[in-house]
Amino acid sequence: MTQNWIGPDETLSVGDVGFLIRFSNAIKGSERYEIRDTPAHTNQSNQPRLEGWCGTWNDLSTDACGMAKVERMAKNGRAFIRNLDGDELQAALEELGYPDLTADD
């Protein structure tokens, strides 16, 4: 996903940057995304992840999906986001206190 709509989330505003986390339930066929100031952590080793599967608890799977920036907001509270990469990603990781976190972790 390079750009997508998520939400609604009334706590987000244009320009917000954070870790994009996907929660999905294969049994119910549901999926939702959140942007947070902290990365998703694996459920066994409790290690932060920038990308990849982090575990499943009570049929809810958690995946780290990189970092994203809110580009615009719809009237209904949904946010149009864009995934970060390159220098923009490194700057965001530094700002949020995870400068050494990479997709390989």
PDB file of N, CA and C in Angstrom:
ATOM      1  N   MET A   1       0.847  -1.174   0.000  1.00  0.00           N
ATOM      2  CA  MET A   1       0.000   0.000   0.000  1.00  0.00           C
ATOM      3  C   MET A   1       0.890   1.233   0.000  1.00  0.00           C
ATOM      4  N   THR A   2       0.774   2.049  -1.008  1.00  0.00           N
ATOM      5  CA  THR A   2       1.540   3.283  -1.052  1.00  0.00           C
ATOM      6  C   THR A   2       0.693   4.483  -0.635  1.00  0.00           C
ATOM      7  N   GLN A   3      -0.591   4.425  -0.934  1.00  0.00           N
ATOM      8  CA  GLN A   3      -1.497   5.463  -0.467  1.00  0.00           C
ATOM      9  C   GLN A   3      -2.882   4.857  -0.321  1.00  0.00           C
ATOM     10  N   ASN A   4      -3.600   5.322   0.663  1.00  0.00           N
ATOM     11  CA  ASN A   4      -4.870   4.698   0.976  1.00  0.00           C
ATOM     12  C   ASN A   4      -5.653   5.575   1.946  1.00  0.00           C
ATOM     13  N   TRP A   5      -6.916   5.277   2.053  1.00  0.00           N
ATOM     14  CA  TRP A   5      -7.770   5.931   3.049  1.00  0.00           C
ATOM     15  C   TRP A   5      -7.868   5.020   4.264  1.00  0.00           C
ATOM     16  N   ILE A   6      -7.748   5.596   5.455  1.00  0.00           N
ATOM     17  CA  ILE A   6      -7.939   4.843   6.693  1.00  0.00           C
ATOM     18  C   ILE A   6      -8.908   5.603   7.584  1.00  0.00           C
ATOM     19  N   GLY A   7      -9.393   4.927   8.593  1.00  0.00           N
ATOM     20  CA  GLY A   7     -10.251   5.605   9.569  1.00  0.00           C
ATOM     21  C   GLY A   7     -11.705   5.268   9.396  1.00  0.00           C
ATOM     22  N   PRO A   8     -12.572   6.022   9.983  1.00  0.00           N
ATOM     23  CA  PRO A   8     -12.366   7.359  10.533  1.00  0.00           C
ATOM     24  C   PRO A   8     -11.584   7.353  11.844  1.00  0.00           C
ATOM     25  N   ASP A   9     -10.819   8.409  12.030  1.00  0.00           N
ATOM     26  CA  ASP A   9     -10.028   8.601  13.240  1.00  0.00           C
ATOM     27  C   ASP A   9      -9.964  10.099  13.523  1.00  0.00           C
ATOM     28  N   GLU A  10     -10.726  10.534  14.497  1.00  0.00           N
ATOM     29  CA  GLU A  10     -10.830  11.961  14.812  1.00  0.00           C
ATOM     30  C   GLU A  10      -9.565  12.521  15.448  1.00  0.00           C
ATOM     31  N   THR A  11      -8.613  11.653  15.837  1.00  0.00           N
ATOM     32  CA  THR A  11      -7.389  12.135  16.469  1.00  0.00           C
ATOM     33  C   THR A  11      -6.328  12.527  15.450  1.00  0.00           C
ATOM     34  N   LEU A  12      -6.513  12.173  14.184  1.00  0.00           N
ATOM     35  CA  LEU A  12      -5.526  12.487  13.147  1.00  0.00           C
ATOM     36  C   LEU A  12      -5.798  13.838  12.511  1.00  0.00           C
ATOM     37  N   SER A  13      -4.724  14.459  12.036  1.00  0.00           N
ATOM     38  CA  SER A  13      -4.869  15.700  11.272  1.00  0.00           C
ATOM     39  C   SER A  13      -3.810  15.727  10.171  1.00  0.00           C
ATOM     40  N   VAL A  14      -4.004  16.592   9.200  1.00  0.00           N
ATOM     41  CA  VAL A  14      -3.091  16.698   8.067  1.00  0.00           C
ATOM     42  C   VAL A  14      -1.676  16.979   8.576  1.00  0.00           C
ATOM     43  N   GLY A  15      -0.712  16.224   8.049  1.00  0.00           N
ATOM     44  CA  GLY A  15       0.680  16.387   8.436  1.00  0.00           C
ATOM     45  C   GLY A  15       1.154  15.411   9.488  1.00  0.00           C
ATOM     46  N   ASP A  16       0.231  14.725  10.157  1.00  0.00           N
ATOM     47  CA  ASP A  16       0.633  13.741  11.160  1.00  0.00           C
ATOM     48  C   ASP A  16       1.439  12.626  10.509  1.00  0.00           C
ATOM     49  N   VAL A  17       2.484  12.192  11.200  1.00  0.00           N
ATOM     50  CA  VAL A  17       3.344  11.104  10.743  1.00  0.00           C
ATOM     51  C   VAL A  17       3.430  10.079  11.862  1.00  0.00           C
ATOM     52  N   GLY A  18       3.379   8.797  11.495  1.00  0.00           N
ATOM     53  CA  GLY A  18       3.497   7.762  12.514  1.00  0.00           C
ATOM     54  C   GLY A  18       3.638   6.388  11.905  1.00  0.00           C
ATOM     55  N   PHE A  19       3.700   5.408  12.782  1.00  0.00           N
ATOM     56  CA  PHE A  19       3.810   4.016  12.375  1.00  0.00           C
ATOM     57  C   PHE A  19       2.440   3.513  11.939  1.00  0.00           C
ATOM     58  N   LEU A  20       2.380   2.922  10.764  1.00  0.00           N
ATOM     59  CA  LEU A  20       1.131   2.400  10.223  1.00  0.00           C
ATOM     60  C   LEU A  20       1.004   0.938  10.639  1.00  0.00           C
ATOM     61  N   ILE A  21      -0.077   0.616  11.320  1.00  0.00           N
ATOM     62  CA  ILE A  21      -0.298  -0.728  11.843  1.00  0.00           C
ATOM     63  C   ILE A  21      -1.632  -1.246  11.344  1.00  0.00           C
ATOM     64  N   ARG A  22      -1.616  -2.486  10.830  1.00  0.00           N
ATOM     65  CA  ARG A  22      -2.837  -3.118  10.328  1.00  0.00           C
ATOM     66  C   ARG A  22      -3.282  -4.206  11.306  1.00  0.00           C
ATOM     67  N   PHE A  23      -4.567  -4.202  11.587  1.00  0.00           N
ATOM     68  CA  PHE A  23      -5.194  -5.231  12.402  1.00  0.00           C
ATOM     69  C   PHE A  23      -6.208  -5.945  11.526  1.00  0.00           C
ATOM     70  N   SER A  24      -6.126  -7.264  11.468  1.00  0.00           N
ATOM     71  CA  SER A  24      -7.055  -8.007  10.619  1.00  0.00           C
ATOM     72  C   SER A  24      -7.529  -9.267  11.320  1.00  0.00           C
ATOM     73  N   ASN A  25      -8.738  -9.666  10.963  1.00  0.00           N
ATOM     74  CA  ASN A  25      -9.337 -10.890  11.474  1.00  0.00           C
ATOM     75  C   ASN A  25      -9.812 -11.694  10.281  1.00  0.00           C
ATOM     76  N   ALA A  26      -9.091 -12.778   9.967  1.00  0.00           N
ATOM     77  CA  ALA A  26      -9.411 -13.593   8.794  1.00  0.00           C
ATOM     78  C   ALA A  26     -10.760 -14.286   8.944  1.00  0.00           C
ATOM     79  N   ILE A  27     -11.139 -14.627  10.150  1.00  0.00           N
ATOM     80  CA  ILE A  27     -12.406 -15.323  10.384  1.00  0.00           C
ATOM     81  C   ILE A  27     -13.587 -14.398  10.073  1.00  0.00           C
ATOM     82  N   LYS A  28     -13.509 -13.165  10.536  1.00  0.00           N
ATOM     83  CA  LYS A  28     -14.585 -12.191  10.303  1.00  0.00           C
ATOM     84  C   LYS A  28     -14.411 -11.430   8.991  1.00  0.00           C
ATOM     85  N   GLY A  29     -13.223 -11.516   8.405  1.00  0.00           N
ATOM     86  CA  GLY A  29     -12.957 -10.784   7.169  1.00  0.00           C
ATOM     87  C   GLY A  29     -12.828  -9.287   7.393  1.00  0.00           C
ATOM     88  N   SER A  30     -12.374  -8.898   8.571  1.00  0.00           N
ATOM     89  CA  SER A  30     -12.266  -7.470   8.876  1.00  0.00           C
ATOM     90  C   SER A  30     -10.805  -7.017   8.835  1.00  0.00           C
ATOM     91  N   GLU A  31     -10.635  -5.713   8.598  1.00  0.00           N
ATOM     92  CA  GLU A  31      -9.305  -5.120   8.532  1.00  0.00           C
ATOM     93  C   GLU A  31      -9.424  -3.640   8.861  1.00  0.00           C
ATOM     94  N   ARG A  32      -8.488  -3.129   9.669  1.00  0.00           N
ATOM     95  CA  ARG A  32      -8.449  -1.701   9.969  1.00  0.00           C
ATOM     96  C   ARG A  32      -7.002  -1.283  10.157  1.00  0.00           C
ATOM     97  N   TYR A  33      -6.743  -0.015   9.936  1.00  0.00           N
ATOM     98  CA  TYR A  33      -5.404   0.548  10.062  1.00  0.00           C
ATOM     99  C   TYR A  33      -5.413   1.650  11.107  1.00  0.00           C
ATOM    100  N   GLU A  34      -4.274   1.802  11.796  1.00  0.00           N
ATOM    101  CA  GLU A  34      -4.074   2.886  12.750  1.00  0.00           C
ATOM    102  C   GLU A  34      -2.710   3.499  12.503  1.00  0.00           C
ATOM    103  N   ILE A  35      -2.584   4.778  12.815  1.00  0.00           N
ATOM    104  CA  ILE A  35      -1.291   5.449  12.829  1.00  0.00           C
ATOM    105  C   ILE A  35      -0.985   5.779  14.279  1.00  0.00           C
ATOM    106  N   ARG A  36       0.194   5.326  14.735  1.00  0.00           N
ATOM    107  CA  ARG A  36       0.593   5.510  16.131  1.00  0.00           C
ATOM    108  C   ARG A  36       1.983   6.129  16.225  1.00  0.00           C
ATOM    109  N   ASP A  37       2.302   6.659  17.415  1.00  0.00           N
ATOM    110  CA  ASP A  37       3.626   7.213  17.683  1.00  0.00           C
ATOM    111  C   ASP A  37       4.644   6.129  18.023  1.00  0.00           C
ATOM    112  N   THR A  38       4.181   4.930  18.293  1.00  0.00           N
ATOM    113  CA  THR A  38       5.066   3.814  18.616  1.00  0.00           C
ATOM    114  C   THR A  38       4.837   2.689  17.618  1.00  0.00           C
ATOM    115  N   PRO A  39       5.893   1.926  17.306  1.00  0.00           N
ATOM    116  CA  PRO A  39       5.735   0.843  16.336  1.00  0.00           C
ATOM    117  C   PRO A  39       4.994  -0.345  16.936  1.00  0.00           C
ATOM    118  N   ALA A  40       4.503  -1.213  16.063  1.00  0.00           N
ATOM    119  CA  ALA A  40       3.936  -2.481  16.509  1.00  0.00           C
ATOM    120  C   ALA A  40       5.078  -3.312  17.089  1.00  0.00           C
ATOM    121  N   HIS A  41       4.756  -4.122  18.083  1.00  0.00           N
ATOM    122  CA  HIS A  41       5.735  -5.009  18.703  1.00  0.00           C
ATOM    123  C   HIS A  41       5.299  -6.453  18.500  1.00  0.00           C
ATOM    124  N   THR A  42       6.277  -7.340  18.377  1.00  0.00           N
ATOM    125  CA  THR A  42       5.953  -8.757  18.252  1.00  0.00           C
ATOM    126  C   THR A  42       5.352  -9.243  19.558  1.00  0.00           C
ATOM    127  N   ASN A  43       4.437 -10.216  19.470  1.00  0.00           N
ATOM    128  CA  ASN A  43       3.753 -10.646  20.685  1.00  0.00           C
ATOM    129  C   ASN A  43       4.547 -11.672  21.491  1.00  0.00           C
ATOM    130  N   GLN A  44       5.618 -12.224  20.963  1.00  0.00           N
ATOM    131  CA  GLN A  44       6.431 -13.176  21.718  1.00  0.00           C
ATOM    132  C   GLN A  44       7.685 -12.513  22.294  1.00  0.00           C
ATOM    133  N   SER A  45       8.472 -11.874  21.454  1.00  0.00           N
ATOM    134  CA  SER A  45       9.728 -11.271  21.910  1.00  0.00           C
ATOM    135  C   SER A  45       9.582  -9.807  22.302  1.00  0.00           C
ATOM    136  N   ASN A  46       8.428  -9.219  22.008  1.00  0.00           N
ATOM    137  CA  ASN A  46       8.139  -7.819  22.316  1.00  0.00           C
ATOM    138  C   ASN A  46       9.137  -6.862  21.658  1.00  0.00           C
ATOM    139  N   GLN A  47       9.598  -7.211  20.460  1.00  0.00           N
ATOM    140  CA  GLN A  47      10.523  -6.373  19.711  1.00  0.00           C
ATOM    141  C   GLN A  47       9.744  -5.450  18.771  1.00  0.00           C
ATOM    142  N   PRO A  48      10.166  -4.179  18.657  1.00  0.00           N
ATOM    143  CA  PRO A  48       9.484  -3.274  17.731  1.00  0.00           C
ATOM    144  C   PRO A  48       9.748  -3.688  16.288  1.00  0.00           C
ATOM    145  N   ARG A  49       8.752  -3.474  15.430  1.00  0.00           N
ATOM    146  CA  ARG A  49       8.881  -3.810  14.017  1.00  0.00           C
ATOM    147  C   ARG A  49       8.451  -2.628  13.165  1.00  0.00           C
ATOM    148  N   LEU A  50       9.179  -2.386  12.094  1.00  0.00           N
ATOM    149  CA  LEU A  50       8.790  -1.378  11.112  1.00  0.00           C
ATOM    150  C   LEU A  50       7.877  -2.004  10.069  1.00  0.00           C
ATOM    151  N   GLU A  51       8.192  -3.235   9.684  1.00  0.00           N
ATOM    152  CA  GLU A  51       7.387  -3.957   8.710  1.00  0.00           C
ATOM    153  C   GLU A  51       7.311  -5.421   9.097  1.00  0.00           C
ATOM    154  N   GLY A  52       6.192  -6.040   8.756  1.00  0.00           N
ATOM    155  CA  GLY A  52       6.056  -7.476   8.944  1.00  0.00           C
ATOM    156  C   GLY A  52       5.021  -7.869   9.986  1.00  0.00           C
ATOM    157  N   TRP A  53       4.768  -9.160  10.013  1.00  0.00           N
ATOM    158  CA  TRP A  53       3.785  -9.728  10.925  1.00  0.00           C
ATOM    159  C   TRP A  53       4.317  -9.683  12.349  1.00  0.00           C
ATOM    160  N   CYS A  54       3.467  -9.283  13.281  1.00  0.00           N
ATOM    161  CA  CYS A  54       3.887  -9.170  14.680  1.00  0.00           C
ATOM    162  C   CYS A  54       3.252 -10.225  15.571  1.00  0.00           C
ATOM    163  N   GLY A  55       2.217 -10.877  15.099  1.00  0.00           N
ATOM    164  CA  GLY A  55       1.591 -11.924  15.890  1.00  0.00           C
ATOM    165  C   GLY A  55       0.081 -11.852  15.814  1.00  0.00           C
ATOM    166  N   THR A  56      -0.540 -12.842  16.443  1.00  0.00           N
ATOM    167  CA  THR A  56      -1.993 -12.930  16.479  1.00  0.00           C
ATOM    168  C   THR A  56      -2.424 -13.185  17.915  1.00  0.00           C
ATOM    169  N   TRP A  57      -3.471 -12.505  18.327  1.00  0.00           N
ATOM    170  CA  TRP A  57      -4.041 -12.687  19.653  1.00  0.00           C
ATOM    171  C   TRP A  57      -5.555 -12.635  19.526  1.00  0.00           C
ATOM    172  N   ASN A  58      -6.217 -13.683  19.987  1.00  0.00           N
ATOM    173  CA  ASN A  58      -7.671 -13.731  19.983  1.00  0.00           C
ATOM    174  C   ASN A  58      -8.229 -13.499  18.569  1.00  0.00           C
ATOM    175  N   ASP A  59      -7.630 -14.163  17.577  1.00  0.00           N
ATOM    176  CA  ASP A  59      -8.007 -14.096  16.165  1.00  0.00           C
ATOM    177  C   ASP A  59      -7.731 -12.749  15.511  1.00  0.00           C
ATOM    178  N   LEU A  60      -7.022 -11.847  16.179  1.00  0.00           N
ATOM    179  CA  LEU A  60      -6.689 -10.542  15.620  1.00  0.00           C
ATOM    180  C   LEU A  60      -5.198 -10.506  15.293  1.00  0.00           C
ATOM    181  N   SER A  61      -4.887 -10.430  14.010  1.00  0.00           N
ATOM    182  CA  SER A  61      -3.509 -10.401  13.543  1.00  0.00           C
ATOM    183  C   SER A  61      -3.018  -8.960  13.465  1.00  0.00           C
ATOM    184  N   THR A  62      -1.768  -8.744  13.883  1.00  0.00           N
ATOM    185  CA  THR A  62      -1.157  -7.419  13.859  1.00  0.00           C
ATOM    186  C   THR A  62       0.020  -7.424  12.901  1.00  0.00           C
ATOM    187  N   ASP A  63       0.039  -6.443  11.985  1.00  0.00           N
ATOM    188  CA  ASP A  63       1.126  -6.304  11.025  1.00  0.00           C
ATOM    189  C   ASP A  63       1.653  -4.874  11.048  1.00  0.00           C
ATOM    190  N   ALA A  64       2.975  -4.744  11.066  1.00  0.00           N
ATOM    191  CA  ALA A  64       3.613  -3.438  10.934  1.00  0.00           C
ATOM    192  C   ALA A  64       3.732  -3.132   9.442  1.00  0.00           C
ATOM    193  N   CYS A  65       3.286  -1.943   9.037  1.00  0.00           N
ATOM    194  CA  CYS A  65       3.223  -1.594   7.610  1.00  0.00           C
ATOM    195  C   CYS A  65       4.042  -0.349   7.285  1.00  0.00           C
ATOM    196  N   GLY A  66       5.143  -0.134   7.996  1.00  0.00           N
ATOM    197  CA  GLY A  66       5.998   1.016   7.730  1.00  0.00           C
ATOM    198  C   GLY A  66       5.517   2.265   8.442  1.00  0.00           C
ATOM    199  N   MET A  67       5.829   3.398   7.853  1.00  0.00           N
ATOM    200  CA  MET A  67       5.399   4.680   8.401  1.00  0.00           C
ATOM    201  C   MET A  67       4.622   5.425   7.328  1.00  0.00           C
ATOM    202  N   ALA A  68       3.691   6.254   7.783  1.00  0.00           N
ATOM    203  CA  ALA A  68       2.833   6.980   6.847  1.00  0.00           C
ATOM    204  C   ALA A  68       2.619   8.410   7.322  1.00  0.00           C
ATOM    205  N   LYS A  69       2.226   9.231   6.362  1.00  0.00           N
ATOM    206  CA  LYS A  69       1.910  10.636   6.636  1.00  0.00           C
ATOM    207  C   LYS A  69       0.492  10.913   6.167  1.00  0.00           C
ATOM    208  N   VAL A  70      -0.264  11.646   6.977  1.00  0.00           N
ATOM    209  CA  VAL A  70      -1.621  12.035   6.614  1.00  0.00           C
ATOM    210  C   VAL A  70      -1.531  13.196   5.626  1.00  0.00           C
ATOM    211  N   GLU A  71      -2.026  12.979   4.417  1.00  0.00           N
ATOM    212  CA  GLU A  71      -1.974  13.994   3.360  1.00  0.00           C
ATOM    213  C   GLU A  71      -3.206  14.902   3.366  1.00  0.00           C
ATOM    214  N   ARG A  72      -4.368  14.318   3.636  1.00  0.00           N
ATOM    215  CA  ARG A  72      -5.590  15.132   3.711  1.00  0.00           C
ATOM    216  C   ARG A  72      -6.650  14.377   4.509  1.00  0.00           C
ATOM    217  N   MET A  73      -7.630  15.136   4.973  1.00  0.00           N
ATOM    218  CA  MET A  73      -8.714  14.579   5.786  1.00  0.00           C
ATOM    219  C   MET A  73     -10.047  14.820   5.086  1.00  0.00           C
ATOM    220  N   ALA A  74     -10.894  13.813   5.117  1.00  0.00           N
ATOM    221  CA  ALA A  74     -12.251  13.951   4.591  1.00  0.00           C
ATOM    222  C   ALA A  74     -13.154  14.480   5.705  1.00  0.00           C
ATOM    223  N   LYS A  75     -14.313  15.002   5.339  1.00  0.00           N
ATOM    224  CA  LYS A  75     -15.255  15.535   6.323  1.00  0.00           C
ATOM    225  C   LYS A  75     -15.740  14.469   7.303  1.00  0.00           C
ATOM    226  N   ASN A  76     -15.746  13.206   6.866  1.00  0.00           N
ATOM    227  CA  ASN A  76     -16.235  12.140   7.737  1.00  0.00           C
ATOM    228  C   ASN A  76     -15.159  11.588   8.668  1.00  0.00           C
ATOM    229  N   GLY A  77     -13.968  12.193   8.698  1.00  0.00           N
ATOM    230  CA  GLY A  77     -12.916  11.780   9.615  1.00  0.00           C
ATOM    231  C   GLY A  77     -11.932  10.772   9.040  1.00  0.00           C
ATOM    232  N   ARG A  78     -12.132  10.365   7.792  1.00  0.00           N
ATOM    233  CA  ARG A  78     -11.183   9.439   7.175  1.00  0.00           C
ATOM    234  C   ARG A  78      -9.951  10.206   6.719  1.00  0.00           C
ATOM    235  N   ALA A  79      -8.800   9.516   6.779  1.00  0.00           N
ATOM    236  CA  ALA A  79      -7.533  10.148   6.440  1.00  0.00           C
ATOM    237  C   ALA A  79      -6.939   9.508   5.196  1.00  0.00           C
ATOM    238  N   PHE A  80      -6.493  10.343   4.267  1.00  0.00           N
ATOM    239  CA  PHE A  80      -5.776   9.870   3.094  1.00  0.00           C
ATOM    240  C   PHE A  80      -4.307   9.874   3.459  1.00  0.00           C
ATOM    241  N   ILE A  81      -3.644   8.707   3.390  1.00  0.00           N
ATOM    242  CA  ILE A  81      -2.265   8.593   3.837  1.00  0.00           C
ATOM    243  C   ILE A  81      -1.339   8.210   2.689  1.00  0.00           C
ATOM    244  N   ARG A  82      -0.053   8.492   2.908  1.00  0.00           N
ATOM    245  CA  ARG A  82       0.999   8.121   1.975  1.00  0.00           C
ATOM    246  C   ARG A  82       2.130   7.498   2.768  1.00  0.00           C
ATOM    247  N   ASN A  83       2.592   6.321   2.333  1.00  0.00           N
ATOM    248  CA  ASN A  83       3.710   5.666   3.007  1.00  0.00           C
ATOM    249  C   ASN A  83       5.005   6.433   2.780  1.00  0.00           C
ATOM    250  N   LEU A  84       5.864   6.459   3.784  1.00  0.00           N
ATOM    251  CA  LEU A  84       7.136   7.165   3.714  1.00  0.00           C
ATOM    252  C   LEU A  84       8.254   6.216   3.294  1.00  0.00           C
ATOM    253  N   ASP A  85       9.264   6.773   2.627  1.00  0.00           N
ATOM    254  CA  ASP A  85      10.454   5.994   2.293  1.00  0.00           C
ATOM    255  C   ASP A  85      11.654   6.927   2.182  1.00  0.00           C
ATOM    256  N   GLY A  86      12.824   6.362   2.020  1.00  0.00           N
ATOM    257  CA  GLY A  86      14.039   7.144   1.825  1.00  0.00           C
ATOM    258  C   GLY A  86      14.349   8.087   2.975  1.00  0.00           C
ATOM    259  N   ASP A  87      14.794   9.292   2.632  1.00  0.00           N
ATOM    260  CA  ASP A  87      15.180  10.287   3.633  1.00  0.00           C
ATOM    261  C   ASP A  87      14.011  10.702   4.508  1.00  0.00           C
ATOM    262  N   GLU A  88      12.818  10.746   3.928  1.00  0.00           N
ATOM    263  CA  GLU A  88      11.625  11.129   4.688  1.00  0.00           C
ATOM    264  C   GLU A  88      11.336  10.098   5.783  1.00  0.00           C
ATOM    265  N   LEU A  89      11.510   8.819   5.461  1.00  0.00           N
ATOM    266  CA  LEU A  89      11.328   7.749   6.450  1.00  0.00           C
ATOM    267  C   LEU A  89      12.366   7.869   7.554  1.00  0.00           C
ATOM    268  N   GLN A  90      13.626   8.069   7.191  1.00  0.00           N
ATOM    269  CA  GLN A  90      14.693   8.181   8.196  1.00  0.00           C
ATOM    270  C   GLN A  90      14.457   9.367   9.128  1.00  0.00           C
ATOM    271  N   ALA A  91      14.015  10.489   8.577  1.00  0.00           N
ATOM    272  CA  ALA A  91      13.738  11.668   9.398  1.00  0.00           C
ATOM    273  C   ALA A  91      12.590  11.393  10.375  1.00  0.00           C
ATOM    274  N   ALA A  92      11.563  10.695   9.917  1.00  0.00           N
ATOM    275  CA  ALA A  92      10.419  10.370  10.782  1.00  0.00           C
ATOM    276  C   ALA A  92      10.827   9.390  11.877  1.00  0.00           C
ATOM    277  N   LEU A  93      11.643   8.398  11.541  1.00  0.00           N
ATOM    278  CA  LEU A  93      12.127   7.448  12.550  1.00  0.00           C
ATOM    279  C   LEU A  93      12.941   8.171  13.622  1.00  0.00           C
ATOM    280  N   GLU A  94      13.784   9.084  13.198  1.00  0.00           N
ATOM    281  CA  GLU A  94      14.597   9.868  14.133  1.00  0.00           C
ATOM    282  C   GLU A  94      13.709  10.714  15.045  1.00  0.00           C
ATOM    283  N   GLU A  95      12.725  11.371  14.452  1.00  0.00           N
ATOM    284  CA  GLU A  95      11.832  12.247  15.223  1.00  0.00           C
ATOM    285  C   GLU A  95      11.048  11.483  16.290  1.00  0.00           C
ATOM    286  N   LEU A  96      10.661  10.242  15.976  1.00  0.00           N
ATOM    287  CA  LEU A  96       9.868   9.458  16.922  1.00  0.00           C
ATOM    288  C   LEU A  96      10.722   8.582  17.841  1.00  0.00           C
ATOM    289  N   GLY A  97      12.045   8.686  17.713  1.00  0.00           N
ATOM    290  CA  GLY A  97      12.925   8.002  18.653  1.00  0.00           C
ATOM    291  C   GLY A  97      13.301   6.577  18.297  1.00  0.00           C
ATOM    292  N   TYR A  98      13.156   6.200  17.032  1.00  0.00           N
ATOM    293  CA  TYR A  98      13.521   4.860  16.576  1.00  0.00           C
ATOM    294  C   TYR A  98      14.452   4.944  15.370  1.00  0.00           C
ATOM    295  N   PRO A  99      15.593   5.655  15.480  1.00  0.00           N
ATOM    296  CA  PRO A  99      16.443   5.873  14.312  1.00  0.00           C
ATOM    297  C   PRO A  99      17.078   4.603  13.750  1.00  0.00           C
ATOM    298  N   ASP A 100      17.240   3.569  14.556  1.00  0.00           N
ATOM    299  CA  ASP A 100      17.898   2.349  14.097  1.00  0.00           C
ATOM    300  C   ASP A 100      16.913   1.282  13.622  1.00  0.00           C
ATOM    301  N   LEU A 101      15.624   1.553  13.686  1.00  0.00           N
ATOM    302  CA  LEU A 101      14.608   0.567  13.281  1.00  0.00           C
ATOM    303  C   LEU A 101      14.572   0.477  11.765  1.00  0.00           C
ATOM    304  N   THR A 102      14.702  -0.743  11.245  1.00  0.00           N
ATOM    305  CA  THR A 102      14.677  -0.956   9.801  1.00  0.00           C
ATOM    306  C   THR A 102      13.686  -2.066   9.489  1.00  0.00           C
ATOM    307  N   ALA A 103      13.382  -2.238   8.215  1.00  0.00           N
ATOM    308  CA  ALA A 103      12.466  -3.299   7.781  1.00  0.00           C
ATOM    309  C   ALA A 103      13.044  -4.681   8.050  1.00  0.00           C
ATOM    310  N   ASP A 104      14.359  -4.783   8.224  1.00  0.00           N
ATOM    311  CA  ASP A 104      15.012  -6.064   8.474  1.00  0.00           C
ATOM    312  C   ASP A 104      14.935  -6.507   9.928  1.00  0.00           C
ATOM    313  N   ASP A 105      14.568  -5.596  10.841  1.00  0.00           N
ATOM    314  CA  ASP A 105      14.513  -5.934  12.283  1.00  0.00           C
ATOM    315  C   ASP A 105      13.383  -6.890  12.593  1.00  0.00           C
TER     316      ASP A 105
END
